[in-house]
């Protein structure tokens, strides 16, 4: 497994770099197709913030799904330990869900209640960040899994059933909502 380690606003000791390499490779053994992972260490320079001063982010692709974990801690080693545990937990959960999905019938509907989608109030805001990504066709279940693996509240995807773009999101009641064009 190729583990790429990036550092921002800090110096990283060789023993911590080697430990990160070992921990991520150990977690990556869950999936055979995880070929690379990005680990980013960063330090918050604010002297008042001691509890979450160091941040570790781990990002990789497993079974076609992006797995991303981030943690904050008082020192870099503690942040790495927590992030590596979360990363391994996410990989295990993804593998279990993929196995369960292959055993469950595909005829379940996501939102059978037929409730109308709430309109969002207009806000005046400026775009501060732009992301681009490749959209591959996927089912609603795959999109829900991908959204959970990324830790986002919504997910924009290309619906494999009808070939249209759609948005999957978390509702306040804990269920999922799906927005599709006509």
N, C-alpha and C. Protein backbone atom coordinates (compact mmCIF):
# COMPACT_ATOMS: atom_id res chain seq x y z
N UNK A 1 0.85 -1.18 0.00
CA UNK A 1 0.00 0.00 0.00
C UNK A 1 0.89 1.24 0.00
N UNK A 2 0.52 2.21 -0.81
CA UNK A 2 1.26 3.46 -0.90
C UNK A 2 0.62 4.48 0.04
N UNK A 3 1.32 4.84 1.11
CA UNK A 3 0.82 5.82 2.07
C UNK A 3 1.59 7.12 1.85
N UNK A 4 0.86 8.14 1.40
CA UNK A 4 1.48 9.45 1.16
C UNK A 4 1.20 10.32 2.38
N UNK A 5 2.25 10.83 3.00
CA UNK A 5 2.12 11.64 4.21
C UNK A 5 2.44 13.08 3.87
N UNK A 6 1.50 13.97 4.21
CA UNK A 6 1.65 15.40 3.97
C UNK A 6 1.65 16.11 5.32
N UNK A 7 2.41 17.20 5.39
CA UNK A 7 2.52 17.95 6.64
C UNK A 7 2.30 19.42 6.35
N UNK A 8 1.46 20.07 7.20
CA UNK A 8 1.24 21.51 7.09
C UNK A 8 1.48 22.16 8.45
N UNK A 9 2.23 23.23 8.46
CA UNK A 9 2.46 24.08 9.64
C UNK A 9 3.14 23.35 10.79
N UNK A 10 3.91 22.32 10.51
CA UNK A 10 4.60 21.62 11.59
C UNK A 10 5.72 20.77 11.02
N UNK A 11 6.58 20.28 11.88
CA UNK A 11 7.63 19.33 11.53
C UNK A 11 7.18 17.96 12.04
N UNK A 12 7.42 16.93 11.26
CA UNK A 12 7.00 15.58 11.63
C UNK A 12 8.22 14.72 11.87
N UNK A 13 8.30 14.13 13.06
CA UNK A 13 9.43 13.26 13.42
C UNK A 13 9.35 11.97 12.61
N UNK A 14 10.52 11.37 12.37
CA UNK A 14 10.59 10.14 11.57
C UNK A 14 9.85 8.99 12.23
N UNK A 15 9.91 8.90 13.57
CA UNK A 15 9.21 7.80 14.24
C UNK A 15 7.70 7.92 14.09
N UNK A 16 7.17 9.14 14.09
CA UNK A 16 5.75 9.35 13.90
C UNK A 16 5.35 9.06 12.45
N UNK A 17 6.22 9.41 11.52
CA UNK A 17 5.98 9.12 10.10
C UNK A 17 5.94 7.60 9.88
N UNK A 18 6.87 6.87 10.49
CA UNK A 18 6.89 5.41 10.36
C UNK A 18 5.67 4.77 11.02
N UNK A 19 5.28 5.31 12.18
CA UNK A 19 4.10 4.80 12.87
C UNK A 19 2.84 5.01 12.02
N UNK A 20 2.72 6.17 11.39
CA UNK A 20 1.58 6.44 10.52
C UNK A 20 1.57 5.45 9.37
N UNK A 21 2.72 5.21 8.78
CA UNK A 21 2.83 4.25 7.68
C UNK A 21 2.34 2.87 8.12
N UNK A 22 2.81 2.41 9.27
CA UNK A 22 2.43 1.08 9.77
C UNK A 22 0.94 0.99 10.08
N UNK A 23 0.40 2.00 10.77
CA UNK A 23 -1.00 1.96 11.19
C UNK A 23 -1.95 1.97 9.99
N UNK A 24 -1.64 2.78 8.98
CA UNK A 24 -2.51 2.86 7.81
C UNK A 24 -2.41 1.59 6.97
N UNK A 25 -1.22 1.05 6.82
CA UNK A 25 -1.06 -0.20 6.09
C UNK A 25 -1.80 -1.34 6.81
N UNK A 26 -1.74 -1.34 8.13
CA UNK A 26 -2.44 -2.37 8.91
C UNK A 26 -3.95 -2.26 8.71
N UNK A 27 -4.47 -1.06 8.73
CA UNK A 27 -5.91 -0.87 8.54
C UNK A 27 -6.31 -1.19 7.10
N UNK A 28 -5.45 -0.92 6.15
CA UNK A 28 -5.74 -1.12 4.74
C UNK A 28 -5.82 -2.57 4.33
N UNK A 29 -5.43 -3.49 5.20
CA UNK A 29 -5.47 -4.91 4.85
C UNK A 29 -6.91 -5.43 4.77
N UNK A 30 -7.87 -4.67 5.25
CA UNK A 30 -9.27 -5.08 5.23
C UNK A 30 -9.76 -5.23 3.79
N UNK A 31 -9.35 -4.31 2.92
CA UNK A 31 -9.71 -4.36 1.50
C UNK A 31 -8.47 -4.66 0.68
N UNK A 32 -8.61 -5.52 -0.32
CA UNK A 32 -7.48 -5.84 -1.19
C UNK A 32 -7.19 -4.72 -2.19
N UNK A 33 -8.24 -3.95 -2.54
CA UNK A 33 -8.07 -2.95 -3.59
C UNK A 33 -7.67 -1.57 -3.09
N UNK A 34 -7.39 -1.41 -1.80
CA UNK A 34 -6.90 -0.12 -1.29
C UNK A 34 -5.42 -0.05 -1.62
N UNK A 35 -5.10 0.73 -2.64
CA UNK A 35 -3.71 0.79 -3.08
C UNK A 35 -2.96 2.00 -2.53
N UNK A 36 -3.71 3.05 -2.15
CA UNK A 36 -3.03 4.24 -1.64
C UNK A 36 -3.92 4.95 -0.62
N UNK A 37 -3.26 5.72 0.22
CA UNK A 37 -3.97 6.53 1.22
C UNK A 37 -3.17 7.81 1.44
N UNK A 38 -3.88 8.90 1.63
CA UNK A 38 -3.26 10.18 1.93
C UNK A 38 -3.47 10.48 3.40
N UNK A 39 -2.38 10.80 4.10
CA UNK A 39 -2.45 11.17 5.52
C UNK A 39 -1.89 12.57 5.63
N UNK A 40 -2.69 13.47 6.19
CA UNK A 40 -2.24 14.86 6.32
C UNK A 40 -2.21 15.25 7.79
N UNK A 41 -1.03 15.66 8.25
CA UNK A 41 -0.84 16.18 9.60
C UNK A 41 -0.83 17.70 9.50
N UNK A 42 -1.53 18.36 10.42
CA UNK A 42 -1.47 19.82 10.46
C UNK A 42 -1.55 20.28 11.92
N UNK A 43 -1.00 21.46 12.14
CA UNK A 43 -1.01 22.03 13.49
C UNK A 43 -1.71 23.37 13.44
N UNK A 44 -2.60 23.58 14.38
CA UNK A 44 -3.28 24.86 14.53
C UNK A 44 -2.36 25.75 15.37
N UNK A 45 -1.99 26.88 14.84
CA UNK A 45 -1.05 27.75 15.51
C UNK A 45 -1.62 28.58 16.64
N UNK A 46 -2.91 28.48 16.92
CA UNK A 46 -3.54 29.25 17.98
C UNK A 46 -3.08 28.72 19.34
N UNK A 47 -2.36 29.52 20.14
CA UNK A 47 -1.87 29.02 21.43
C UNK A 47 -2.98 28.79 22.45
N UNK A 48 -4.15 29.37 22.24
CA UNK A 48 -5.26 29.17 23.17
C UNK A 48 -5.95 27.83 22.97
N UNK A 49 -5.75 27.27 21.83
CA UNK A 49 -6.41 26.00 21.52
C UNK A 49 -5.42 24.85 21.73
N UNK A 50 -5.47 24.24 22.92
CA UNK A 50 -4.54 23.16 23.23
C UNK A 50 -5.17 21.79 23.08
N UNK A 51 -6.50 21.69 23.22
CA UNK A 51 -7.15 20.37 23.17
C UNK A 51 -7.18 19.79 21.76
N UNK A 52 -7.37 20.59 20.75
CA UNK A 52 -7.42 20.10 19.38
C UNK A 52 -6.37 20.76 18.53
N UNK A 53 -5.18 20.86 19.02
CA UNK A 53 -4.14 21.60 18.32
C UNK A 53 -3.64 20.87 17.07
N UNK A 54 -3.59 19.55 17.13
CA UNK A 54 -3.08 18.78 15.99
C UNK A 54 -4.25 18.07 15.31
N UNK A 55 -4.21 18.06 13.97
CA UNK A 55 -5.27 17.45 13.17
C UNK A 55 -4.63 16.43 12.23
N UNK A 56 -5.30 15.28 12.10
CA UNK A 56 -4.87 14.25 11.17
C UNK A 56 -6.07 13.91 10.29
N UNK A 57 -5.86 13.93 8.98
CA UNK A 57 -6.89 13.56 8.01
C UNK A 57 -6.38 12.40 7.18
N UNK A 58 -7.21 11.37 7.03
CA UNK A 58 -6.86 10.20 6.23
C UNK A 58 -7.91 10.06 5.14
N UNK A 59 -7.46 9.94 3.90
CA UNK A 59 -8.36 9.79 2.76
C UNK A 59 -7.85 8.67 1.86
N UNK A 60 -8.78 7.78 1.45
CA UNK A 60 -8.42 6.72 0.51
C UNK A 60 -9.67 6.29 -0.24
N UNK A 61 -9.48 5.44 -1.23
CA UNK A 61 -10.59 4.89 -2.00
C UNK A 61 -10.58 3.38 -1.81
N UNK A 62 -11.74 2.85 -1.37
CA UNK A 62 -11.87 1.40 -1.16
C UNK A 62 -13.16 0.95 -1.84
N UNK A 63 -13.06 -0.03 -2.68
CA UNK A 63 -14.20 -0.61 -3.39
C UNK A 63 -14.99 0.47 -4.12
N UNK A 64 -14.31 1.45 -4.66
CA UNK A 64 -14.98 2.52 -5.40
C UNK A 64 -15.59 3.59 -4.55
N UNK A 65 -15.44 3.53 -3.23
CA UNK A 65 -15.99 4.51 -2.31
C UNK A 65 -14.85 5.28 -1.64
N UNK A 66 -15.02 6.59 -1.52
CA UNK A 66 -14.04 7.41 -0.83
C UNK A 66 -14.27 7.31 0.66
N UNK A 67 -13.21 6.96 1.39
CA UNK A 67 -13.27 6.88 2.85
C UNK A 67 -12.41 8.00 3.39
N UNK A 68 -13.01 8.86 4.24
CA UNK A 68 -12.30 10.02 4.77
C UNK A 68 -12.54 10.12 6.26
N UNK A 69 -11.46 10.35 7.02
CA UNK A 69 -11.53 10.46 8.46
C UNK A 69 -10.69 11.65 8.88
N UNK A 70 -11.17 12.41 9.86
CA UNK A 70 -10.37 13.50 10.41
C UNK A 70 -10.56 13.56 11.91
N UNK A 71 -9.47 13.84 12.62
CA UNK A 71 -9.54 13.95 14.08
C UNK A 71 -8.63 15.08 14.56
N UNK A 72 -8.97 15.59 15.72
CA UNK A 72 -8.17 16.60 16.41
C UNK A 72 -7.75 16.05 17.76
N UNK A 73 -6.56 16.41 18.23
CA UNK A 73 -6.10 15.98 19.55
C UNK A 73 -5.04 16.95 20.06
N UNK A 74 -4.66 16.76 21.31
CA UNK A 74 -3.70 17.64 21.95
C UNK A 74 -2.28 17.42 21.46
N UNK A 75 -1.96 16.21 20.94
CA UNK A 75 -0.66 16.01 20.32
C UNK A 75 -0.81 15.15 19.06
N UNK A 76 0.20 15.15 18.24
CA UNK A 76 0.11 14.51 16.93
C UNK A 76 -0.05 13.00 17.04
N UNK A 77 0.59 12.38 18.01
CA UNK A 77 0.50 10.92 18.16
C UNK A 77 -0.91 10.51 18.56
N UNK A 78 -1.53 11.25 19.48
CA UNK A 78 -2.90 10.94 19.89
C UNK A 78 -3.87 11.13 18.72
N UNK A 79 -3.66 12.17 17.94
CA UNK A 79 -4.51 12.40 16.77
C UNK A 79 -4.36 11.27 15.75
N UNK A 80 -3.13 10.81 15.55
CA UNK A 80 -2.88 9.70 14.63
C UNK A 80 -3.55 8.42 15.12
N UNK A 81 -3.42 8.12 16.41
CA UNK A 81 -4.03 6.91 16.95
C UNK A 81 -5.54 6.92 16.77
N UNK A 82 -6.17 8.04 17.10
CA UNK A 82 -7.62 8.15 16.96
C UNK A 82 -8.04 8.05 15.50
N UNK A 83 -7.32 8.72 14.62
CA UNK A 83 -7.66 8.70 13.19
C UNK A 83 -7.48 7.30 12.61
N UNK A 84 -6.43 6.61 12.99
CA UNK A 84 -6.19 5.25 12.47
C UNK A 84 -7.29 4.30 12.94
N UNK A 85 -7.73 4.43 14.19
CA UNK A 85 -8.82 3.60 14.69
C UNK A 85 -10.12 3.90 13.94
N UNK A 86 -10.41 5.19 13.74
CA UNK A 86 -11.61 5.56 12.99
C UNK A 86 -11.55 5.06 11.56
N UNK A 87 -10.38 5.15 10.93
CA UNK A 87 -10.19 4.71 9.56
C UNK A 87 -10.44 3.20 9.44
N UNK A 88 -9.89 2.44 10.37
CA UNK A 88 -10.10 0.99 10.34
C UNK A 88 -11.58 0.66 10.58
N UNK A 89 -12.22 1.39 11.48
CA UNK A 89 -13.65 1.18 11.75
C UNK A 89 -14.49 1.49 10.51
N UNK A 90 -14.16 2.58 9.81
CA UNK A 90 -14.88 2.95 8.58
C UNK A 90 -14.71 1.88 7.51
N UNK A 91 -13.49 1.36 7.36
CA UNK A 91 -13.25 0.33 6.36
C UNK A 91 -14.04 -0.94 6.69
N UNK A 92 -14.06 -1.32 7.97
CA UNK A 92 -14.82 -2.50 8.38
C UNK A 92 -16.31 -2.31 8.12
N UNK A 93 -16.83 -1.11 8.46
CA UNK A 93 -18.23 -0.82 8.24
C UNK A 93 -18.58 -0.85 6.76
N UNK A 94 -17.71 -0.29 5.93
CA UNK A 94 -17.93 -0.31 4.49
C UNK A 94 -17.97 -1.74 3.97
N UNK A 95 -17.05 -2.56 4.40
CA UNK A 95 -17.01 -3.95 3.94
C UNK A 95 -18.27 -4.70 4.38
N UNK A 96 -18.69 -4.49 5.63
CA UNK A 96 -19.90 -5.14 6.12
C UNK A 96 -21.13 -4.70 5.33
N UNK A 97 -21.21 -3.42 5.03
CA UNK A 97 -22.36 -2.92 4.28
C UNK A 97 -22.37 -3.45 2.85
N UNK A 98 -21.21 -3.54 2.24
CA UNK A 98 -21.16 -4.08 0.89
C UNK A 98 -21.58 -5.54 0.87
N UNK A 99 -21.18 -6.28 1.88
CA UNK A 99 -21.59 -7.69 1.98
C UNK A 99 -23.09 -7.77 2.21
N UNK A 100 -23.62 -6.96 3.14
CA UNK A 100 -25.05 -6.98 3.42
C UNK A 100 -25.87 -6.53 2.22
N UNK A 101 -25.37 -5.55 1.49
CA UNK A 101 -26.11 -5.05 0.34
C UNK A 101 -26.25 -6.12 -0.73
N UNK A 102 -25.26 -6.98 -0.85
CA UNK A 102 -25.35 -8.04 -1.84
C UNK A 102 -26.34 -9.13 -1.42
N UNK A 103 -26.71 -9.16 -0.16
CA UNK A 103 -27.65 -10.16 0.34
C UNK A 103 -29.08 -9.65 0.45
N UNK A 104 -29.29 -8.34 0.37
CA UNK A 104 -30.60 -7.74 0.55
C UNK A 104 -31.25 -7.52 -0.81
N UNK A 105 -32.57 -7.78 -0.93
CA UNK A 105 -33.24 -7.50 -2.21
C UNK A 105 -33.18 -6.02 -2.56
N UNK A 106 -33.12 -5.74 -3.85
CA UNK A 106 -32.92 -4.37 -4.33
C UNK A 106 -34.22 -3.60 -4.52
N UNK A 107 -35.41 -4.17 -4.22
CA UNK A 107 -36.66 -3.51 -4.53
C UNK A 107 -37.17 -2.59 -3.43
N UNK A 108 -36.34 -2.22 -2.46
CA UNK A 108 -36.76 -1.31 -1.41
C UNK A 108 -36.73 0.13 -1.91
N UNK A 109 -37.71 0.91 -1.51
CA UNK A 109 -37.75 2.32 -1.89
C UNK A 109 -37.15 3.13 -0.75
N UNK A 110 -36.47 4.23 -1.07
CA UNK A 110 -35.80 5.03 -0.06
C UNK A 110 -36.78 5.86 0.74
N UNK A 111 -37.69 6.54 0.06
CA UNK A 111 -38.63 7.43 0.75
C UNK A 111 -40.03 7.16 0.19
N UNK A 112 -40.73 6.23 0.82
CA UNK A 112 -42.03 5.83 0.30
C UNK A 112 -43.16 6.75 0.74
N UNK A 113 -42.91 7.66 1.66
CA UNK A 113 -43.98 8.49 2.18
C UNK A 113 -44.49 9.50 1.16
N UNK A 114 -43.70 9.87 0.18
CA UNK A 114 -44.12 10.80 -0.86
C UNK A 114 -44.25 12.23 -0.36
N UNK A 115 -43.54 12.55 0.72
CA UNK A 115 -43.62 13.91 1.26
C UNK A 115 -42.95 14.88 0.30
N UNK A 116 -43.50 16.10 0.17
CA UNK A 116 -42.86 17.09 -0.69
C UNK A 116 -41.54 17.56 -0.08
N UNK A 117 -40.64 17.96 -0.96
CA UNK A 117 -39.34 18.44 -0.52
C UNK A 117 -39.47 19.88 -0.06
N UNK A 118 -38.94 20.18 1.13
CA UNK A 118 -39.02 21.54 1.66
C UNK A 118 -38.19 22.49 0.81
N UNK A 119 -38.72 23.69 0.59
CA UNK A 119 -37.97 24.70 -0.15
C UNK A 119 -37.01 25.40 0.79
N UNK A 120 -35.84 25.69 0.28
CA UNK A 120 -34.81 26.36 1.07
C UNK A 120 -34.95 27.86 0.87
N UNK A 121 -34.89 28.61 1.96
CA UNK A 121 -35.00 30.07 1.89
C UNK A 121 -33.78 30.64 1.16
N UNK A 122 -34.03 31.68 0.36
CA UNK A 122 -32.94 32.32 -0.37
C UNK A 122 -32.01 33.04 0.59
N UNK A 123 -30.72 32.88 0.36
CA UNK A 123 -29.71 33.56 1.15
C UNK A 123 -28.75 34.25 0.18
N UNK A 124 -28.19 35.34 0.62
CA UNK A 124 -27.16 35.96 -0.18
C UNK A 124 -25.83 35.50 0.39
N UNK A 125 -25.13 34.68 -0.35
CA UNK A 125 -23.85 34.13 0.08
C UNK A 125 -22.92 34.09 -1.12
N UNK A 126 -21.65 34.11 -0.84
CA UNK A 126 -20.68 34.04 -1.92
C UNK A 126 -20.02 32.66 -1.92
N UNK A 127 -19.58 32.24 -3.08
CA UNK A 127 -18.90 30.96 -3.22
C UNK A 127 -17.48 31.13 -2.72
N UNK A 128 -17.10 30.34 -1.70
CA UNK A 128 -15.77 30.44 -1.13
C UNK A 128 -14.91 29.24 -1.48
N UNK A 129 -15.54 28.17 -2.00
CA UNK A 129 -14.77 26.99 -2.36
C UNK A 129 -15.47 26.27 -3.50
N UNK A 130 -14.69 25.74 -4.43
CA UNK A 130 -15.24 25.03 -5.57
C UNK A 130 -14.59 23.65 -5.64
N UNK A 131 -15.41 22.61 -5.76
CA UNK A 131 -14.89 21.26 -5.88
C UNK A 131 -15.37 20.66 -7.19
N UNK A 132 -14.52 19.88 -7.80
CA UNK A 132 -14.92 19.12 -8.99
C UNK A 132 -14.59 17.66 -8.73
N UNK A 133 -15.44 16.78 -9.23
CA UNK A 133 -15.20 15.36 -9.07
C UNK A 133 -15.89 14.61 -10.20
N UNK A 134 -15.39 13.42 -10.45
CA UNK A 134 -15.96 12.58 -11.50
C UNK A 134 -17.20 11.88 -10.96
N UNK A 135 -18.28 11.97 -11.72
CA UNK A 135 -19.52 11.33 -11.30
C UNK A 135 -19.69 10.04 -12.06
N UNK A 136 -19.78 8.95 -11.34
CA UNK A 136 -20.05 7.67 -11.97
C UNK A 136 -21.46 7.25 -11.59
N UNK A 137 -22.16 6.55 -12.44
CA UNK A 137 -23.53 6.12 -12.11
C UNK A 137 -23.52 5.20 -10.89
N UNK A 138 -24.47 5.42 -9.98
CA UNK A 138 -24.59 4.57 -8.80
C UNK A 138 -26.04 4.53 -8.36
N UNK A 139 -26.36 3.53 -7.57
CA UNK A 139 -27.71 3.41 -7.04
C UNK A 139 -27.87 4.34 -5.84
N UNK A 140 -29.10 4.51 -5.40
CA UNK A 140 -29.37 5.36 -4.24
C UNK A 140 -28.72 4.78 -3.00
N UNK A 141 -28.71 3.46 -2.88
CA UNK A 141 -28.08 2.82 -1.72
C UNK A 141 -26.58 3.08 -1.71
N UNK A 142 -25.94 2.99 -2.88
CA UNK A 142 -24.51 3.29 -2.97
C UNK A 142 -24.24 4.74 -2.60
N UNK A 143 -25.10 5.66 -3.04
CA UNK A 143 -24.93 7.07 -2.72
C UNK A 143 -25.08 7.30 -1.23
N UNK A 144 -26.02 6.61 -0.59
CA UNK A 144 -26.19 6.75 0.86
C UNK A 144 -24.96 6.25 1.59
N UNK A 145 -24.41 5.15 1.13
CA UNK A 145 -23.20 4.62 1.74
C UNK A 145 -22.02 5.56 1.54
N UNK A 146 -21.88 6.10 0.34
CA UNK A 146 -20.80 7.04 0.05
C UNK A 146 -20.94 8.30 0.90
N UNK A 147 -22.17 8.81 1.06
CA UNK A 147 -22.41 10.00 1.87
C UNK A 147 -22.00 9.74 3.32
N UNK A 148 -22.32 8.57 3.83
CA UNK A 148 -21.95 8.25 5.20
C UNK A 148 -20.45 8.09 5.36
N UNK A 149 -19.80 7.47 4.38
CA UNK A 149 -18.35 7.29 4.45
C UNK A 149 -17.61 8.62 4.42
N UNK A 150 -18.16 9.60 3.71
CA UNK A 150 -17.55 10.93 3.65
C UNK A 150 -17.90 11.77 4.86
N UNK A 151 -18.99 11.42 5.55
CA UNK A 151 -19.41 12.19 6.71
C UNK A 151 -20.12 13.48 6.33
N UNK A 152 -20.74 13.52 5.16
CA UNK A 152 -21.44 14.72 4.70
C UNK A 152 -22.93 14.63 4.99
N UNK A 153 -23.62 15.77 4.97
CA UNK A 153 -25.06 15.81 5.18
C UNK A 153 -25.82 15.63 3.88
N UNK A 154 -25.15 15.75 2.74
CA UNK A 154 -25.80 15.57 1.45
C UNK A 154 -24.78 14.97 0.48
N UNK A 155 -25.30 14.43 -0.62
CA UNK A 155 -24.43 13.83 -1.63
C UNK A 155 -25.06 14.00 -3.00
N UNK A 156 -24.31 14.56 -3.93
CA UNK A 156 -24.73 14.80 -5.30
C UNK A 156 -24.19 13.66 -6.15
N UNK A 157 -25.06 12.97 -6.89
CA UNK A 157 -24.62 11.79 -7.63
C UNK A 157 -25.42 11.62 -8.91
N UNK A 158 -24.95 10.72 -9.76
CA UNK A 158 -25.61 10.37 -11.01
C UNK A 158 -26.36 9.06 -10.78
N UNK A 159 -27.69 9.12 -10.85
CA UNK A 159 -28.53 7.95 -10.59
C UNK A 159 -28.37 6.95 -11.73
N UNK A 160 -27.95 5.74 -11.40
CA UNK A 160 -27.72 4.72 -12.40
C UNK A 160 -29.00 4.17 -12.99
N UNK A 161 -30.13 4.32 -12.28
CA UNK A 161 -31.40 3.79 -12.79
C UNK A 161 -31.97 4.63 -13.92
N UNK A 162 -31.91 5.97 -13.77
CA UNK A 162 -32.52 6.82 -14.79
C UNK A 162 -31.51 7.73 -15.50
N UNK A 163 -30.24 7.71 -15.11
CA UNK A 163 -29.22 8.51 -15.78
C UNK A 163 -29.28 9.99 -15.48
N UNK A 164 -30.07 10.39 -14.48
CA UNK A 164 -30.19 11.81 -14.13
C UNK A 164 -29.41 12.10 -12.85
N UNK A 165 -29.04 13.36 -12.69
CA UNK A 165 -28.35 13.78 -11.48
C UNK A 165 -29.36 13.91 -10.34
N UNK A 166 -28.91 13.60 -9.12
CA UNK A 166 -29.80 13.66 -7.97
C UNK A 166 -29.00 14.05 -6.74
N UNK A 167 -29.72 14.49 -5.71
CA UNK A 167 -29.11 14.86 -4.44
C UNK A 167 -29.76 14.04 -3.34
N UNK A 168 -28.94 13.40 -2.54
CA UNK A 168 -29.40 12.65 -1.38
C UNK A 168 -29.01 13.44 -0.15
N UNK A 169 -29.91 13.56 0.84
CA UNK A 169 -29.61 14.39 2.00
C UNK A 169 -30.23 13.80 3.26
N UNK A 170 -29.68 14.21 4.42
CA UNK A 170 -30.22 13.82 5.72
C UNK A 170 -31.36 14.77 6.08
N UNK A 171 -32.49 14.20 6.49
CA UNK A 171 -33.63 15.01 6.95
C UNK A 171 -33.52 15.19 8.46
N UNK A 172 -34.25 16.16 8.99
CA UNK A 172 -34.21 16.44 10.43
C UNK A 172 -34.73 15.27 11.25
N UNK A 173 -35.65 14.50 10.69
CA UNK A 173 -36.22 13.37 11.42
C UNK A 173 -35.32 12.13 11.40
N UNK A 174 -34.13 12.24 10.77
CA UNK A 174 -33.18 11.15 10.76
C UNK A 174 -33.23 10.29 9.51
N UNK A 175 -34.27 10.45 8.70
CA UNK A 175 -34.37 9.69 7.46
C UNK A 175 -33.58 10.38 6.35
N UNK A 176 -33.62 9.81 5.18
CA UNK A 176 -32.93 10.37 4.02
C UNK A 176 -33.96 10.92 3.05
N UNK A 177 -33.59 11.99 2.36
CA UNK A 177 -34.42 12.56 1.31
C UNK A 177 -33.69 12.50 0.00
N UNK A 178 -34.45 12.46 -1.10
CA UNK A 178 -33.86 12.38 -2.43
C UNK A 178 -34.49 13.46 -3.31
N UNK A 179 -33.65 14.27 -3.94
CA UNK A 179 -34.12 15.30 -4.85
C UNK A 179 -33.72 14.88 -6.26
N UNK A 180 -34.73 14.77 -7.13
CA UNK A 180 -34.50 14.38 -8.51
C UNK A 180 -35.13 15.40 -9.45
N UNK A 181 -34.54 15.64 -10.63
CA UNK A 181 -35.18 16.52 -11.60
C UNK A 181 -36.34 15.81 -12.30
N UNK A 182 -37.29 16.60 -12.84
CA UNK A 182 -38.41 16.00 -13.58
C UNK A 182 -37.98 15.58 -14.95
